[in-house]
Amino acid sequence: MAARPRRTKITRPMDEAELLAGIRRGDDEAFAAAFREFYAALVSSADRIVRDPAAAEDVAQEVMLELWRRRASLTGDVRLRAYLHQSVRNRALNHLRHARVVRQGEPHAPAPSASEPADAGQVAGDFGAAVAGALAELPDEVRDTFQHSRVDGLTYAEIAGMMGISVKTVEARMGRALRLLRERLAEWLPAGGGW
C-alpha cells in the first residue's frame, strides 16, 4: 500500500487588518510580512521625493522601525498601507527640508577668527546637548507630541489619532513645546528665528 503524501500547511498571505493586528500584538512574523509587502514600494515612494536611493532606503527603514516601536499605540482602524505611505512622504519631505536648512545655513556661518578654534564638532556637540537638555525639560506629553511631529514627521491629525487626543490639543502642545524650546535655546537661535 502506497503511503499517502503529507499535506503541507498552505498559509495564505495576511490582509492589512491581520498584519496590523499581528504587529499590534508584537508578532515578529506579521512585522516581517509587512516589511516584505511594503518595503520596496516605500523606498520607491521616498526616492521619488528625495531623489537619492540611499536616503530613500533610510527613510523607508526609519518608517518601518517606527511602526514597530509604536505598534501598541496604533488603533485598529488604521489602514496600514496608507499609514506607511503617508509616514514615508512626511519623513522624505522632512529630509528635504532639513537638507535645505543645512544648505541655507552654510553660507551664513561666520568664518572662525584666528583667535578662536574652528572646532565645528565641538559646537555641534554643544548644540546637540543643549537641544537634548531642552527636550528633556519638556513635560512628557508635550515632548512626545513634539517628537511625533518634528522627528517622526506625522501630521497633527495622525498624532491626535495615535495619542487619543484632539487636534486642538496637539496644536496647543506644539505651541507650548515651541515656546519652551525657543526660550531654552535662545542663545543658539538667530534673532527672530523660528524653530
N, C-alpha and C. Protein backbone atom coordinates (compact mmCIF):
# COMPACT_ATOMS: atom_id res chain seq x y z
N MET A 1 0.85 -1.16 0.00
CA MET A 1 0.00 0.00 0.00
C MET A 1 0.90 1.23 0.00
N ALA A 2 0.63 2.11 -0.91
CA ALA A 2 1.45 3.32 -1.05
C ALA A 2 1.12 4.30 0.06
N ALA A 3 2.15 4.94 0.55
CA ALA A 3 1.94 5.94 1.61
C ALA A 3 1.28 7.17 1.03
N ARG A 4 0.38 7.71 1.80
CA ARG A 4 -0.31 8.93 1.36
C ARG A 4 0.64 10.12 1.55
N PRO A 5 0.64 10.98 0.60
CA PRO A 5 1.51 12.15 0.74
C PRO A 5 1.02 13.04 1.89
N ARG A 6 1.98 13.62 2.57
CA ARG A 6 1.63 14.53 3.66
C ARG A 6 1.04 15.82 3.11
N ARG A 7 0.09 16.29 3.80
CA ARG A 7 -0.47 17.58 3.41
C ARG A 7 0.38 18.68 4.06
N THR A 8 0.80 19.56 3.23
CA THR A 8 1.56 20.68 3.78
C THR A 8 0.58 21.80 4.08
N LYS A 9 0.88 22.48 5.15
CA LYS A 9 0.02 23.58 5.54
C LYS A 9 0.27 24.73 4.58
N ILE A 10 -0.76 25.14 3.92
CA ILE A 10 -0.65 26.27 2.99
C ILE A 10 -1.13 27.50 3.74
N THR A 11 -0.23 28.43 3.85
CA THR A 11 -0.62 29.66 4.54
C THR A 11 -0.91 30.71 3.48
N ARG A 12 -2.01 31.36 3.68
CA ARG A 12 -2.38 32.42 2.74
C ARG A 12 -1.78 33.72 3.25
N PRO A 13 -1.53 34.63 2.35
CA PRO A 13 -0.99 35.92 2.78
C PRO A 13 -2.00 36.63 3.69
N MET A 14 -1.48 37.34 4.67
CA MET A 14 -2.36 38.08 5.58
C MET A 14 -2.82 39.37 4.90
N ASP A 15 -4.06 39.75 5.17
CA ASP A 15 -4.51 41.04 4.65
C ASP A 15 -4.03 42.14 5.60
N GLU A 16 -4.26 43.39 5.23
CA GLU A 16 -3.74 44.51 6.01
C GLU A 16 -4.23 44.50 7.45
N ALA A 17 -5.49 44.19 7.65
CA ALA A 17 -6.05 44.19 9.01
C ALA A 17 -5.37 43.12 9.87
N GLU A 18 -5.11 41.95 9.28
CA GLU A 18 -4.43 40.88 10.01
C GLU A 18 -2.98 41.26 10.31
N LEU A 19 -2.32 41.89 9.34
CA LEU A 19 -0.95 42.34 9.57
C LEU A 19 -0.90 43.34 10.71
N LEU A 20 -1.80 44.32 10.67
CA LEU A 20 -1.83 45.34 11.70
C LEU A 20 -2.12 44.72 13.07
N ALA A 21 -3.08 43.82 13.12
CA ALA A 21 -3.42 43.17 14.40
C ALA A 21 -2.22 42.40 14.93
N GLY A 22 -1.52 41.69 14.04
CA GLY A 22 -0.34 40.95 14.45
C GLY A 22 0.77 41.86 14.94
N ILE A 23 1.01 42.95 14.23
CA ILE A 23 2.04 43.91 14.64
C ILE A 23 1.69 44.51 15.99
N ARG A 24 0.42 44.86 16.17
CA ARG A 24 -0.01 45.44 17.45
C ARG A 24 0.21 44.46 18.61
N ARG A 25 0.11 43.16 18.33
CA ARG A 25 0.35 42.14 19.36
C ARG A 25 1.84 41.90 19.58
N GLY A 26 2.70 42.45 18.70
CA GLY A 26 4.14 42.21 18.82
C GLY A 26 4.59 40.97 18.08
N ASP A 27 3.82 40.53 17.11
CA ASP A 27 4.14 39.33 16.33
C ASP A 27 5.23 39.65 15.29
N ASP A 28 6.41 39.07 15.50
CA ASP A 28 7.54 39.30 14.60
C ASP A 28 7.23 38.87 13.17
N GLU A 29 6.50 37.77 13.03
CA GLU A 29 6.20 37.27 11.69
C GLU A 29 5.28 38.23 10.93
N ALA A 30 4.34 38.83 11.63
CA ALA A 30 3.45 39.80 10.98
C ALA A 30 4.25 41.02 10.55
N PHE A 31 5.18 41.46 11.40
CA PHE A 31 6.01 42.60 11.04
C PHE A 31 6.89 42.26 9.84
N ALA A 32 7.48 41.07 9.85
CA ALA A 32 8.33 40.65 8.72
C ALA A 32 7.50 40.57 7.44
N ALA A 33 6.28 40.09 7.54
CA ALA A 33 5.40 40.01 6.37
C ALA A 33 5.07 41.42 5.86
N ALA A 34 4.81 42.34 6.77
CA ALA A 34 4.52 43.73 6.38
C ALA A 34 5.75 44.35 5.74
N PHE A 35 6.91 44.06 6.29
CA PHE A 35 8.16 44.59 5.73
C PHE A 35 8.32 44.10 4.29
N ARG A 36 8.15 42.79 4.10
CA ARG A 36 8.27 42.23 2.74
C ARG A 36 7.23 42.82 1.80
N GLU A 37 6.04 43.01 2.31
CA GLU A 37 4.93 43.50 1.48
C GLU A 37 5.11 44.95 1.05
N PHE A 38 5.57 45.80 1.96
CA PHE A 38 5.54 47.24 1.69
C PHE A 38 6.89 47.90 1.45
N TYR A 39 7.98 47.30 1.88
CA TYR A 39 9.28 47.98 1.90
C TYR A 39 9.69 48.52 0.52
N ALA A 40 9.65 47.70 -0.50
CA ALA A 40 10.11 48.14 -1.83
C ALA A 40 9.29 49.34 -2.32
N ALA A 41 7.98 49.29 -2.12
CA ALA A 41 7.14 50.40 -2.55
C ALA A 41 7.42 51.67 -1.74
N LEU A 42 7.74 51.49 -0.45
CA LEU A 42 8.05 52.65 0.38
C LEU A 42 9.37 53.30 -0.06
N VAL A 43 10.36 52.47 -0.39
CA VAL A 43 11.64 53.01 -0.88
C VAL A 43 11.40 53.77 -2.19
N SER A 44 10.60 53.19 -3.06
CA SER A 44 10.30 53.83 -4.34
C SER A 44 9.59 55.17 -4.13
N SER A 45 8.62 55.21 -3.22
CA SER A 45 7.91 56.46 -2.92
C SER A 45 8.86 57.51 -2.38
N ALA A 46 9.72 57.10 -1.45
CA ALA A 46 10.67 58.05 -0.86
C ALA A 46 11.64 58.54 -1.92
N ASP A 47 12.08 57.66 -2.81
CA ASP A 47 13.06 58.05 -3.82
C ASP A 47 12.47 59.06 -4.80
N ARG A 48 11.17 58.95 -5.08
CA ARG A 48 10.53 59.94 -5.96
C ARG A 48 10.58 61.33 -5.35
N ILE A 49 10.65 61.40 -4.03
CA ILE A 49 10.68 62.70 -3.35
C ILE A 49 12.12 63.18 -3.13
N VAL A 50 12.96 62.33 -2.56
CA VAL A 50 14.31 62.77 -2.19
C VAL A 50 15.33 62.65 -3.31
N ARG A 51 15.03 61.85 -4.32
CA ARG A 51 15.93 61.66 -5.47
C ARG A 51 17.33 61.20 -5.04
N ASP A 52 17.35 60.31 -4.04
CA ASP A 52 18.61 59.77 -3.53
C ASP A 52 18.30 58.37 -3.01
N PRO A 53 18.75 57.33 -3.74
CA PRO A 53 18.38 55.96 -3.34
C PRO A 53 18.79 55.59 -1.92
N ALA A 54 19.97 56.02 -1.49
CA ALA A 54 20.41 55.68 -0.13
C ALA A 54 19.53 56.38 0.91
N ALA A 55 19.24 57.65 0.69
CA ALA A 55 18.36 58.38 1.62
C ALA A 55 16.96 57.78 1.60
N ALA A 56 16.49 57.36 0.43
CA ALA A 56 15.16 56.76 0.33
C ALA A 56 15.09 55.47 1.15
N GLU A 57 16.14 54.66 1.09
CA GLU A 57 16.17 53.44 1.91
C GLU A 57 16.17 53.78 3.39
N ASP A 58 16.95 54.79 3.77
CA ASP A 58 16.97 55.22 5.17
C ASP A 58 15.57 55.64 5.63
N VAL A 59 14.90 56.42 4.80
CA VAL A 59 13.55 56.89 5.14
C VAL A 59 12.62 55.70 5.33
N ALA A 60 12.63 54.77 4.40
CA ALA A 60 11.74 53.60 4.49
C ALA A 60 12.06 52.76 5.73
N GLN A 61 13.35 52.57 6.01
CA GLN A 61 13.73 51.79 7.19
C GLN A 61 13.29 52.49 8.48
N GLU A 62 13.45 53.81 8.53
CA GLU A 62 13.02 54.55 9.72
C GLU A 62 11.51 54.42 9.93
N VAL A 63 10.76 54.48 8.85
CA VAL A 63 9.31 54.35 8.96
C VAL A 63 8.93 52.97 9.48
N MET A 64 9.55 51.94 8.94
CA MET A 64 9.23 50.59 9.40
C MET A 64 9.65 50.39 10.85
N LEU A 65 10.78 50.92 11.22
CA LEU A 65 11.24 50.82 12.61
C LEU A 65 10.27 51.55 13.54
N GLU A 66 9.82 52.71 13.13
CA GLU A 66 8.88 53.48 13.94
C GLU A 66 7.54 52.75 14.05
N LEU A 67 7.12 52.07 12.98
CA LEU A 67 5.90 51.26 13.05
C LEU A 67 6.03 50.23 14.17
N TRP A 68 7.17 49.57 14.23
CA TRP A 68 7.38 48.54 15.26
C TRP A 68 7.42 49.18 16.65
N ARG A 69 8.12 50.31 16.77
CA ARG A 69 8.22 50.97 18.08
C ARG A 69 6.86 51.42 18.59
N ARG A 70 5.99 51.86 17.69
CA ARG A 70 4.70 52.41 18.08
C ARG A 70 3.57 51.42 17.96
N ARG A 71 3.88 50.17 17.80
CA ARG A 71 2.85 49.17 17.50
C ARG A 71 1.72 49.16 18.51
N ALA A 72 2.03 49.34 19.78
CA ALA A 72 0.98 49.26 20.81
C ALA A 72 0.02 50.44 20.76
N SER A 73 0.48 51.57 20.20
CA SER A 73 -0.38 52.76 20.20
C SER A 73 -1.20 52.89 18.92
N LEU A 74 -1.01 51.98 17.97
CA LEU A 74 -1.78 52.05 16.72
C LEU A 74 -3.22 51.62 16.97
N THR A 75 -4.13 52.34 16.40
CA THR A 75 -5.54 51.97 16.55
C THR A 75 -5.91 50.94 15.49
N GLY A 76 -6.95 50.19 15.75
CA GLY A 76 -7.37 49.13 14.84
C GLY A 76 -7.93 49.63 13.53
N ASP A 77 -8.30 50.91 13.45
CA ASP A 77 -8.89 51.42 12.22
C ASP A 77 -7.86 52.02 11.27
N VAL A 78 -6.59 51.90 11.60
CA VAL A 78 -5.53 52.41 10.73
C VAL A 78 -5.45 51.55 9.48
N ARG A 79 -5.39 52.20 8.32
CA ARG A 79 -5.15 51.48 7.08
C ARG A 79 -3.64 51.44 6.89
N LEU A 80 -3.05 50.28 7.05
CA LEU A 80 -1.61 50.12 7.15
C LEU A 80 -0.87 50.68 5.93
N ARG A 81 -1.31 50.33 4.74
CA ARG A 81 -0.63 50.80 3.52
C ARG A 81 -0.65 52.33 3.47
N ALA A 82 -1.80 52.93 3.70
CA ALA A 82 -1.92 54.39 3.66
C ALA A 82 -1.08 55.03 4.76
N TYR A 83 -1.11 54.45 5.95
CA TYR A 83 -0.33 54.96 7.08
C TYR A 83 1.16 54.96 6.75
N LEU A 84 1.66 53.85 6.21
CA LEU A 84 3.09 53.75 5.89
C LEU A 84 3.48 54.72 4.78
N HIS A 85 2.66 54.80 3.74
CA HIS A 85 3.00 55.71 2.64
C HIS A 85 2.95 57.18 3.08
N GLN A 86 1.99 57.53 3.93
CA GLN A 86 1.94 58.90 4.44
C GLN A 86 3.15 59.18 5.33
N SER A 87 3.53 58.21 6.14
CA SER A 87 4.70 58.37 7.00
C SER A 87 5.97 58.55 6.17
N VAL A 88 6.10 57.77 5.10
CA VAL A 88 7.27 57.90 4.21
C VAL A 88 7.27 59.27 3.55
N ARG A 89 6.12 59.70 3.09
CA ARG A 89 6.03 61.02 2.46
C ARG A 89 6.47 62.11 3.44
N ASN A 90 5.95 62.05 4.66
CA ASN A 90 6.29 63.05 5.66
C ASN A 90 7.78 63.04 5.99
N ARG A 91 8.33 61.85 6.19
CA ARG A 91 9.76 61.76 6.51
C ARG A 91 10.62 62.22 5.35
N ALA A 92 10.24 61.87 4.14
CA ALA A 92 11.01 62.29 2.97
C ALA A 92 10.98 63.81 2.83
N LEU A 93 9.81 64.41 3.04
CA LEU A 93 9.72 65.87 2.98
C LEU A 93 10.53 66.51 4.10
N ASN A 94 10.52 65.91 5.28
CA ASN A 94 11.35 66.42 6.38
C ASN A 94 12.83 66.32 6.02
N HIS A 95 13.20 65.24 5.36
CA HIS A 95 14.59 65.07 4.92
C HIS A 95 14.97 66.21 3.98
N LEU A 96 14.10 66.52 3.03
CA LEU A 96 14.39 67.61 2.09
C LEU A 96 14.46 68.96 2.81
N ARG A 97 13.52 69.19 3.74
CA ARG A 97 13.54 70.45 4.50
C ARG A 97 14.83 70.59 5.29
N HIS A 98 15.22 69.51 5.93
CA HIS A 98 16.45 69.54 6.72
C HIS A 98 17.66 69.82 5.83
N ALA A 99 17.71 69.16 4.69
CA ALA A 99 18.83 69.38 3.76
C ALA A 99 18.84 70.83 3.27
N ARG A 100 17.67 71.39 3.02
CA ARG A 100 17.59 72.78 2.56
C ARG A 100 18.06 73.73 3.66
N VAL A 101 17.66 73.48 4.88
CA VAL A 101 18.08 74.32 6.00
C VAL A 101 19.60 74.27 6.16
N VAL A 102 20.15 73.08 6.05
CA VAL A 102 21.60 72.93 6.16
C VAL A 102 22.29 73.71 5.05
N ARG A 103 21.78 73.59 3.82
CA ARG A 103 22.39 74.31 2.69
C ARG A 103 22.27 75.82 2.87
N GLN A 104 21.11 76.27 3.34
CA GLN A 104 20.91 77.71 3.52
C GLN A 104 21.76 78.25 4.66
N GLY A 105 21.99 77.45 5.66
CA GLY A 105 22.75 77.92 6.81
C GLY A 105 24.24 77.95 6.58
N GLU A 106 24.73 77.14 5.66
CA GLU A 106 26.17 77.06 5.45
C GLU A 106 26.81 78.38 5.03
N PRO A 107 26.28 79.10 4.03
CA PRO A 107 26.96 80.33 3.62
C PRO A 107 26.93 81.42 4.69
N HIS A 108 25.97 81.33 5.61
CA HIS A 108 25.81 82.37 6.61
C HIS A 108 26.62 82.10 7.87
N ALA A 109 27.25 80.95 7.94
CA ALA A 109 28.04 80.64 9.13
C ALA A 109 29.25 81.56 9.17
N PRO A 110 29.47 82.20 10.30
CA PRO A 110 30.61 83.10 10.36
C PRO A 110 31.92 82.34 10.27
N ALA A 111 32.87 82.92 9.58
CA ALA A 111 34.19 82.30 9.47
C ALA A 111 34.89 82.44 10.81
N PRO A 112 35.57 81.38 11.25
CA PRO A 112 36.25 81.49 12.54
C PRO A 112 37.39 82.50 12.45
N SER A 113 37.54 83.25 13.53
CA SER A 113 38.65 84.20 13.54
C SER A 113 39.92 83.46 13.92
N ALA A 114 41.05 84.11 13.76
CA ALA A 114 42.32 83.48 14.05
C ALA A 114 42.44 83.15 15.53
N SER A 115 41.71 83.90 16.38
CA SER A 115 41.84 83.68 17.82
C SER A 115 40.93 82.58 18.36
N GLU A 116 39.94 82.17 17.58
CA GLU A 116 39.05 81.11 18.06
C GLU A 116 39.22 79.85 17.25
N PRO A 117 39.22 78.72 17.89
CA PRO A 117 39.42 77.46 17.17
C PRO A 117 38.23 77.14 16.28
N ALA A 118 38.49 76.53 15.15
CA ALA A 118 37.44 76.16 14.20
C ALA A 118 37.01 74.73 14.47
N ASP A 119 36.46 74.49 15.64
CA ASP A 119 36.06 73.14 16.02
C ASP A 119 34.56 72.99 15.87
N ALA A 120 34.11 72.74 14.63
CA ALA A 120 32.68 72.61 14.36
C ALA A 120 32.08 71.43 15.11
N GLY A 121 32.88 70.39 15.29
CA GLY A 121 32.39 69.22 16.01
C GLY A 121 32.01 69.57 17.44
N GLN A 122 32.81 70.40 18.09
CA GLN A 122 32.52 70.81 19.46
C GLN A 122 31.25 71.65 19.52
N VAL A 123 31.12 72.59 18.56
CA VAL A 123 29.93 73.44 18.52
C VAL A 123 28.68 72.58 18.29
N ALA A 124 28.78 71.65 17.34
CA ALA A 124 27.64 70.76 17.07
C ALA A 124 27.30 69.92 18.29
N GLY A 125 28.33 69.44 18.97
CA GLY A 125 28.10 68.64 20.18
C GLY A 125 27.43 69.46 21.27
N ASP A 126 27.90 70.71 21.44
CA ASP A 126 27.30 71.59 22.44
C ASP A 126 25.84 71.89 22.10
N PHE A 127 25.57 72.15 20.82
CA PHE A 127 24.21 72.42 20.40
C PHE A 127 23.33 71.19 20.61
N GLY A 128 23.85 70.03 20.23
CA GLY A 128 23.09 68.79 20.43
C GLY A 128 22.76 68.56 21.89
N ALA A 129 23.73 68.85 22.76
CA ALA A 129 23.49 68.69 24.19
C ALA A 129 22.44 69.69 24.68
N ALA A 130 22.50 70.92 24.15
CA ALA A 130 21.52 71.94 24.53
C ALA A 130 20.11 71.53 24.09
N VAL A 131 19.99 71.00 22.88
CA VAL A 131 18.68 70.55 22.39
C VAL A 131 18.18 69.38 23.22
N ALA A 132 19.05 68.40 23.48
CA ALA A 132 18.64 67.24 24.29
C ALA A 132 18.19 67.68 25.67
N GLY A 133 18.92 68.63 26.26
CA GLY A 133 18.55 69.13 27.58
C GLY A 133 17.21 69.84 27.55
N ALA A 134 17.02 70.67 26.51
CA ALA A 134 15.76 71.40 26.39
C ALA A 134 14.59 70.44 26.19
N LEU A 135 14.78 69.42 25.37
CA LEU A 135 13.72 68.43 25.15
C LEU A 135 13.41 67.67 26.43
N ALA A 136 14.45 67.32 27.19
CA ALA A 136 14.26 66.57 28.43
C ALA A 136 13.45 67.37 29.45
N GLU A 137 13.54 68.70 29.38
CA GLU A 137 12.82 69.55 30.33
C GLU A 137 11.34 69.71 29.98
N LEU A 138 10.95 69.34 28.77
CA LEU A 138 9.54 69.46 28.39
C LEU A 138 8.71 68.43 29.17
N PRO A 139 7.47 68.78 29.51
CA PRO A 139 6.58 67.76 30.09
C PRO A 139 6.44 66.58 29.12
N ASP A 140 6.29 65.39 29.67
CA ASP A 140 6.29 64.17 28.86
C ASP A 140 5.34 64.23 27.67
N GLU A 141 4.08 64.63 27.90
CA GLU A 141 3.10 64.62 26.81
C GLU A 141 3.45 65.66 25.75
N VAL A 142 4.04 66.78 26.18
CA VAL A 142 4.44 67.83 25.23
C VAL A 142 5.63 67.33 24.41
N ARG A 143 6.59 66.70 25.07
CA ARG A 143 7.77 66.17 24.38
C ARG A 143 7.38 65.09 23.37
N ASP A 144 6.49 64.18 23.79
CA ASP A 144 6.06 63.11 22.88
C ASP A 144 5.37 63.69 21.65
N THR A 145 4.50 64.67 21.87
CA THR A 145 3.79 65.30 20.76
C THR A 145 4.77 65.98 19.82
N PHE A 146 5.73 66.72 20.37
CA PHE A 146 6.74 67.41 19.57
C PHE A 146 7.55 66.41 18.74
N GLN A 147 7.99 65.33 19.36
CA GLN A 147 8.80 64.35 18.65
C GLN A 147 8.01 63.65 17.55
N HIS A 148 6.74 63.36 17.80
CA HIS A 148 5.92 62.75 16.75
C HIS A 148 5.81 63.69 15.55
N SER A 149 5.72 64.99 15.81
CA SER A 149 5.58 65.96 14.73
C SER A 149 6.91 66.23 14.04
N ARG A 150 7.92 66.62 14.80
CA ARG A 150 9.15 67.11 14.20
C ARG A 150 10.18 66.02 13.91
N VAL A 151 10.15 64.93 14.64
CA VAL A 151 11.11 63.86 14.40
C VAL A 151 10.50 62.79 13.49
N ASP A 152 9.27 62.38 13.82
CA ASP A 152 8.63 61.30 13.06
C ASP A 152 7.92 61.80 11.81
N GLY A 153 7.66 63.11 11.73
CA GLY A 153 7.04 63.67 10.55
C GLY A 153 5.55 63.40 10.42
N LEU A 154 4.88 63.16 11.54
CA LEU A 154 3.45 62.89 11.49
C LEU A 154 2.66 64.20 11.45
N THR A 155 1.49 64.14 10.83
CA THR A 155 0.61 65.31 10.82
C THR A 155 -0.08 65.41 12.18
N TYR A 156 -0.66 66.57 12.45
CA TYR A 156 -1.37 66.75 13.71
C TYR A 156 -2.52 65.75 13.83
N ALA A 157 -3.20 65.50 12.72
CA ALA A 157 -4.33 64.55 12.75
C ALA A 157 -3.83 63.14 13.07
N GLU A 158 -2.69 62.75 12.50
CA GLU A 158 -2.13 61.42 12.79
C GLU A 158 -1.73 61.32 14.26
N ILE A 159 -1.13 62.38 14.78
CA ILE A 159 -0.71 62.39 16.19
C ILE A 159 -1.94 62.29 17.09
N ALA A 160 -2.97 63.08 16.76
CA ALA A 160 -4.19 63.05 17.56
C ALA A 160 -4.79 61.65 17.59
N GLY A 161 -4.87 61.00 16.42
CA GLY A 161 -5.42 59.66 16.37
C GLY A 161 -4.59 58.65 17.13
N MET A 162 -3.28 58.77 17.01
CA MET A 162 -2.38 57.82 17.66
C MET A 162 -2.39 57.99 19.18
N MET A 163 -2.47 59.26 19.64
CA MET A 163 -2.39 59.52 21.08
C MET A 163 -3.76 59.58 21.75
N GLY A 164 -4.83 59.52 20.95
CA GLY A 164 -6.18 59.55 21.51
C GLY A 164 -6.56 60.92 22.07
N ILE A 165 -6.10 61.97 21.39
CA ILE A 165 -6.41 63.34 21.83
C ILE A 165 -6.96 64.11 20.62
N SER A 166 -7.42 65.33 20.85
CA SER A 166 -7.96 66.12 19.74
C SER A 166 -6.83 66.84 19.01
N VAL A 167 -7.12 67.27 17.79
CA VAL A 167 -6.14 68.03 17.01
C VAL A 167 -5.84 69.34 17.73
N LYS A 168 -6.84 69.94 18.35
CA LYS A 168 -6.63 71.19 19.11
C LYS A 168 -5.63 70.97 20.25
N THR A 169 -5.70 69.82 20.90
CA THR A 169 -4.75 69.52 21.97
C THR A 169 -3.35 69.37 21.40
N VAL A 170 -3.24 68.73 20.24
CA VAL A 170 -1.93 68.62 19.58
C VAL A 170 -1.39 70.01 19.28
N GLU A 171 -2.24 70.88 18.73
CA GLU A 171 -1.81 72.24 18.40
C GLU A 171 -1.34 72.98 19.65
N ALA A 172 -2.09 72.83 20.74
CA ALA A 172 -1.71 73.51 21.98
C ALA A 172 -0.38 72.99 22.51
N ARG A 173 -0.20 71.68 22.47
CA ARG A 173 1.06 71.10 22.95
C ARG A 173 2.24 71.54 22.08
N MET A 174 2.03 71.59 20.77
CA MET A 174 3.10 72.03 19.88
C MET A 174 3.45 73.49 20.14
N GLY A 175 2.45 74.32 20.35
CA GLY A 175 2.70 75.72 20.66
C GLY A 175 3.51 75.86 21.94
N ARG A 176 3.15 75.08 22.94
CA ARG A 176 3.86 75.12 24.21
C ARG A 176 5.29 74.61 24.02
N ALA A 177 5.47 73.51 23.29
CA ALA A 177 6.80 72.96 23.07
C ALA A 177 7.70 73.97 22.36
N LEU A 178 7.18 74.59 21.31
CA LEU A 178 7.99 75.54 20.55
C LEU A 178 8.35 76.76 21.40
N ARG A 179 7.40 77.25 22.20
CA ARG A 179 7.68 78.40 23.07
C ARG A 179 8.77 78.06 24.08
N LEU A 180 8.63 76.90 24.73
CA LEU A 180 9.62 76.49 25.74
C LEU A 180 10.99 76.25 25.11
N LEU A 181 11.02 75.63 23.94
CA LEU A 181 12.30 75.37 23.27
C LEU A 181 12.96 76.68 22.82
N ARG A 182 12.16 77.61 22.30
CA ARG A 182 12.72 78.92 21.91
C ARG A 182 13.34 79.62 23.10
N GLU A 183 12.65 79.57 24.24
CA GLU A 183 13.19 80.21 25.45
C GLU A 183 14.50 79.54 25.88
N ARG A 184 14.49 78.22 25.91
CA ARG A 184 15.65 77.46 26.41
C ARG A 184 16.83 77.55 25.46
N LEU A 185 16.57 77.67 24.16
CA LEU A 185 17.65 77.65 23.16
C LEU A 185 17.89 79.03 22.55
N ALA A 186 17.46 80.09 23.23
CA ALA A 186 17.54 81.45 22.67
C ALA A 186 18.96 81.80 22.23
N GLU A 187 19.96 81.39 22.99
CA GLU A 187 21.34 81.75 22.64
C GLU A 187 21.82 81.06 21.36
N TRP A 188 21.16 79.98 20.98
CA TRP A 188 21.58 79.25 19.77
C TRP A 188 20.82 79.67 18.52
N LEU A 189 19.69 80.32 18.71
CA LEU A 189 18.83 80.68 17.57
C LEU A 189 19.15 82.09 17.08
N PRO A 190 19.06 82.31 15.78
CA PRO A 190 19.26 83.68 15.27
C PRO A 190 18.14 84.58 15.77
N ALA A 191 18.43 85.86 15.87
CA ALA A 191 17.42 86.81 16.33
C ALA A 191 16.20 86.73 15.43
N GLY A 192 15.05 86.57 16.04
CA GLY A 192 13.80 86.47 15.27
C GLY A 192 13.63 85.14 14.58
N GLY A 193 14.53 84.20 14.82
CA GLY A 193 14.45 82.90 14.13
C GLY A 193 13.43 82.01 14.75
N GLY A 194 12.85 81.16 13.95
CA GLY A 194 11.86 80.21 14.44
C GLY A 194 12.48 78.85 14.65
N TRP A 195 11.71 77.99 15.21
CA TRP A 195 12.16 76.61 15.42
C TRP A 195 11.61 75.75 14.33
